[in-house]
Amino acid sequence: MVKNITDPDARIANMEFASVYPHYLAKAVRKGRTQRELHQVIEWLTGFDDQTIQAQIEQKVNFTTFFERASLNPNAHRVTGLICGHRIEDIENPLTKKVRYLDKLVDELAKGRTMDKILRTR
């Protein structure tokens, strides 16, 4: 576990996925999307099915453990653009970049993009 929680990368590393997941879900639902679509996005990025996502929540894993357990999609590098004021492709910390991939995918879902565009199938 990373100790220096004043460092933004360390804060992200120690943040529990279970504490962020309800915000992802609320954002998606508020914008007319479904939990199933959110899970489809998470599964595309991480390889986690519904049961595995639920297990990560129940085990209260931090993002470090969450992404250590994940099988990152080989097309994840195609997730680009701005998130939280930072260009994803310029983020140097590998874990922070993965978390921002997830944030960006959830943003795209909430903005109404089609699933084929979100999942980079085209």
C-alpha atoms as a PDB file:
ATOM      1  CA  MET A   1       0.000   0.000   0.000  1.00  0.00           C
ATOM      2  CA  VAL A   2       1.285   3.442  -0.904  1.00  0.00           C
ATOM      3  CA  LYS A   3       1.897   5.586   2.195  1.00  0.00           C
ATOM      4  CA  ASN A   4       2.091   9.210   1.005  1.00  0.00           C
ATOM      5  CA  ILE A   5      -1.615  10.070   0.660  1.00  0.00           C
ATOM      6  CA  THR A   6      -0.886  13.711  -0.198  1.00  0.00           C
ATOM      7  CA  ASP A   7       0.434  12.537  -3.561  1.00  0.00           C
ATOM      8  CA  PRO A   8      -2.513  12.359  -6.009  1.00  0.00           C
ATOM      9  CA  ASP A   9      -1.283   9.072  -7.496  1.00  0.00           C
ATOM     10  CA  ALA A  10      -1.020   7.533  -4.026  1.00  0.00           C
ATOM     11  CA  ARG A  11      -4.511   8.748  -3.099  1.00  0.00           C
ATOM     12  CA  ILE A  12      -5.902   7.084  -6.211  1.00  0.00           C
ATOM     13  CA  ALA A  13      -3.964   3.876  -5.520  1.00  0.00           C
ATOM     14  CA  ASN A  14      -5.394   3.634  -1.999  1.00  0.00           C
ATOM     15  CA  MET A  15      -8.963   4.586  -2.931  1.00  0.00           C
ATOM     16  CA  GLU A  16     -11.409   1.701  -2.626  1.00  0.00           C
ATOM     17  CA  PHE A  17     -13.228   0.708  -5.786  1.00  0.00           C
ATOM     18  CA  ALA A  18     -16.315   0.144  -3.593  1.00  0.00           C
ATOM     19  CA  SER A  19     -16.288   3.814  -2.594  1.00  0.00           C
ATOM     20  CA  VAL A  20     -16.228   5.009  -6.224  1.00  0.00           C
ATOM     21  CA  TYR A  21     -18.546   2.431  -7.790  1.00  0.00           C
ATOM     22  CA  PRO A  22     -21.782   3.986  -6.395  1.00  0.00           C
ATOM     23  CA  HIS A  23     -20.770   7.308  -7.971  1.00  0.00           C
ATOM     24  CA  TYR A  24     -20.167   5.612 -11.333  1.00  0.00           C
ATOM     25  CA  LEU A  25     -23.561   3.905 -11.090  1.00  0.00           C
ATOM     26  CA  ALA A  26     -25.408   7.051 -10.006  1.00  0.00           C
ATOM     27  CA  LYS A  27     -23.856   9.057 -12.842  1.00  0.00           C
ATOM     28  CA  ALA A  28     -24.821   6.452 -15.423  1.00  0.00           C
ATOM     29  CA  VAL A  29     -28.385   6.011 -14.136  1.00  0.00           C
ATOM     30  CA  ARG A  30     -28.922   9.762 -13.766  1.00  0.00           C
ATOM     31  CA  LYS A  31     -28.122  10.081 -17.469  1.00  0.00           C
ATOM     32  CA  GLY A  32     -30.507   7.290 -18.502  1.00  0.00           C
ATOM     33  CA  ARG A  33     -28.018   4.437 -18.731  1.00  0.00           C
ATOM     34  CA  THR A  34     -28.269   1.106 -16.905  1.00  0.00           C
ATOM     35  CA  GLN A  35     -26.207  -0.828 -14.396  1.00  0.00           C
ATOM     36  CA  ARG A  36     -25.821  -3.500 -17.089  1.00  0.00           C
ATOM     37  CA  GLU A  37     -24.250  -0.947 -19.439  1.00  0.00           C
ATOM     38  CA  LEU A  38     -21.917   0.225 -16.671  1.00  0.00           C
ATOM     39  CA  HIS A  39     -20.879  -3.368 -16.033  1.00  0.00           C
ATOM     40  CA  GLN A  40     -20.355  -3.893 -19.753  1.00  0.00           C
ATOM     41  CA  VAL A  41     -17.939  -0.944 -19.765  1.00  0.00           C
ATOM     42  CA  ILE A  42     -16.096  -2.221 -16.663  1.00  0.00           C
ATOM     43  CA  GLU A  43     -15.924  -5.717 -18.143  1.00  0.00           C
ATOM     44  CA  TRP A  44     -14.523  -4.408 -21.430  1.00  0.00           C
ATOM     45  CA  LEU A  45     -11.715  -2.604 -19.597  1.00  0.00           C
ATOM     46  CA  THR A  46     -10.934  -5.170 -16.883  1.00  0.00           C
ATOM     47  CA  GLY A  47     -12.289  -8.535 -17.974  1.00  0.00           C
ATOM     48  CA  PHE A  48     -14.407  -8.684 -14.787  1.00  0.00           C
ATOM     49  CA  ASP A  49     -17.876 -10.190 -15.127  1.00  0.00           C
ATOM     50  CA  ASP A  50     -20.795  -9.177 -12.872  1.00  0.00           C
ATOM     51  CA  GLN A  51     -19.811 -11.604 -10.099  1.00  0.00           C
ATOM     52  CA  THR A  52     -16.190 -10.473 -10.136  1.00  0.00           C
ATOM     53  CA  ILE A  53     -17.194  -6.801 -10.035  1.00  0.00           C
ATOM     54  CA  GLN A  54     -19.415  -7.562  -7.041  1.00  0.00           C
ATOM     55  CA  ALA A  55     -16.576  -9.462  -5.344  1.00  0.00           C
ATOM     56  CA  GLN A  56     -14.242  -6.451  -5.740  1.00  0.00           C
ATOM     57  CA  ILE A  57     -16.903  -4.282  -4.095  1.00  0.00           C
ATOM     58  CA  GLU A  58     -17.540  -6.727  -1.234  1.00  0.00           C
ATOM     59  CA  GLN A  59     -13.820  -7.187  -0.592  1.00  0.00           C
ATOM     60  CA  LYS A  60     -13.357  -3.401  -0.556  1.00  0.00           C
ATOM     61  CA  VAL A  61     -10.244  -3.645  -2.712  1.00  0.00           C
ATOM     62  CA  ASN A  62      -8.308  -0.506  -3.499  1.00  0.00           C
ATOM     63  CA  PHE A  63      -7.567   0.485  -7.077  1.00  0.00           C
ATOM     64  CA  THR A  64      -4.087  -1.037  -6.839  1.00  0.00           C
ATOM     65  CA  THR A  65      -5.530  -4.485  -6.108  1.00  0.00           C
ATOM     66  CA  PHE A  66      -8.459  -3.948  -8.483  1.00  0.00           C
ATOM     67  CA  PHE A  67      -6.170  -3.394 -11.460  1.00  0.00           C
ATOM     68  CA  GLU A  68      -3.638  -6.029 -10.363  1.00  0.00           C
ATOM     69  CA  ARG A  69      -6.484  -8.550 -10.629  1.00  0.00           C
ATOM     70  CA  ALA A  70      -7.755  -7.180 -13.933  1.00  0.00           C
ATOM     71  CA  SER A  71      -6.844  -8.268 -17.438  1.00  0.00           C
ATOM     72  CA  LEU A  72      -6.637  -4.877 -19.095  1.00  0.00           C
ATOM     73  CA  ASN A  73      -8.202  -4.772 -22.550  1.00  0.00           C
ATOM     74  CA  PRO A  74      -5.488  -4.578 -25.228  1.00  0.00           C
ATOM     75  CA  ASN A  75      -7.384  -1.645 -26.778  1.00  0.00           C
ATOM     76  CA  ALA A  76      -7.441   0.369 -23.540  1.00  0.00           C
ATOM     77  CA  HIS A  77      -4.743   2.640 -24.970  1.00  0.00           C
ATOM     78  CA  ARG A  78      -7.397   3.863 -27.423  1.00  0.00           C
ATOM     79  CA  VAL A  79      -9.183   5.599 -24.534  1.00  0.00           C
ATOM     80  CA  THR A  80      -7.922   9.145 -24.907  1.00  0.00           C
ATOM     81  CA  GLY A  81      -8.959  12.681 -24.162  1.00  0.00           C
ATOM     82  CA  LEU A  82      -9.405  14.862 -21.116  1.00  0.00           C
ATOM     83  CA  ILE A  83     -10.548  13.627 -17.732  1.00  0.00           C
ATOM     84  CA  CYS A  84     -10.374  15.659 -14.542  1.00  0.00           C
ATOM     85  CA  GLY A  85      -8.421  18.312 -16.443  1.00  0.00           C
ATOM     86  CA  HIS A  86      -5.693  15.927 -17.536  1.00  0.00           C
ATOM     87  CA  ARG A  87      -5.053  14.382 -20.934  1.00  0.00           C
ATOM     88  CA  ILE A  88      -5.121  10.609 -20.387  1.00  0.00           C
ATOM     89  CA  GLU A  89      -2.385   9.889 -22.896  1.00  0.00           C
ATOM     90  CA  ASP A  90      -0.017  12.193 -20.951  1.00  0.00           C
ATOM     91  CA  ILE A  91      -0.509  10.503 -17.566  1.00  0.00           C
ATOM     92  CA  GLU A  92       2.754   8.809 -16.593  1.00  0.00           C
ATOM     93  CA  ASN A  93       1.705   6.724 -13.582  1.00  0.00           C
ATOM     94  CA  PRO A  94       0.387   3.406 -15.001  1.00  0.00           C
ATOM     95  CA  LEU A  95      -2.190   2.846 -12.249  1.00  0.00           C
ATOM     96  CA  THR A  96      -3.511   6.397 -12.423  1.00  0.00           C
ATOM     97  CA  LYS A  97      -3.804   6.017 -16.195  1.00  0.00           C
ATOM     98  CA  LYS A  98      -5.899   2.836 -15.774  1.00  0.00           C
ATOM     99  CA  VAL A  99      -8.207   4.525 -13.268  1.00  0.00           C
ATOM    100  CA  ARG A 100      -8.609   7.469 -15.639  1.00  0.00           C
ATOM    101  CA  TYR A 101      -9.441   5.051 -18.465  1.00  0.00           C
ATOM    102  CA  LEU A 102     -12.309   3.820 -16.313  1.00  0.00           C
ATOM    103  CA  ASP A 103     -13.373   7.358 -15.421  1.00  0.00           C
ATOM    104  CA  LYS A 104     -13.378   8.346 -19.093  1.00  0.00           C
ATOM    105  CA  LEU A 105     -15.421   5.317 -20.125  1.00  0.00           C
ATOM    106  CA  VAL A 106     -18.014   6.104 -17.454  1.00  0.00           C
ATOM    107  CA  ASP A 107     -18.099   9.731 -18.631  1.00  0.00           C
ATOM    108  CA  GLU A 108     -18.669   8.617 -22.209  1.00  0.00           C
ATOM    109  CA  LEU A 109     -21.461   6.304 -21.059  1.00  0.00           C
ATOM    110  CA  ALA A 110     -23.126   9.136 -19.152  1.00  0.00           C
ATOM    111  CA  LYS A 111     -22.779  11.476 -22.137  1.00  0.00           C
ATOM    112  CA  GLY A 112     -24.837   9.100 -24.257  1.00  0.00           C
ATOM    113  CA  ARG A 113     -22.173   7.729 -26.575  1.00  0.00           C
ATOM    114  CA  THR A 114     -23.089   4.481 -28.234  1.00  0.00           C
ATOM    115  CA  MET A 115     -21.645   1.307 -26.751  1.00  0.00           C
ATOM    116  CA  ASP A 116     -19.699   0.454 -29.899  1.00  0.00           C
ATOM    117  CA  LYS A 117     -17.904   3.802 -29.690  1.00  0.00           C
ATOM    118  CA  ILE A 118     -17.304   3.504 -25.939  1.00  0.00           C
ATOM    119  CA  LEU A 119     -15.922  -0.009 -26.362  1.00  0.00           C
ATOM    120  CA  ARG A 120     -13.738   1.062 -29.282  1.00  0.00           C
ATOM    121  CA  THR A 121     -15.152  -1.576 -31.647  1.00  0.00           C
ATOM    122  CA  ARG A 122     -14.903   0.726 -34.646  1.00  0.00           C
END
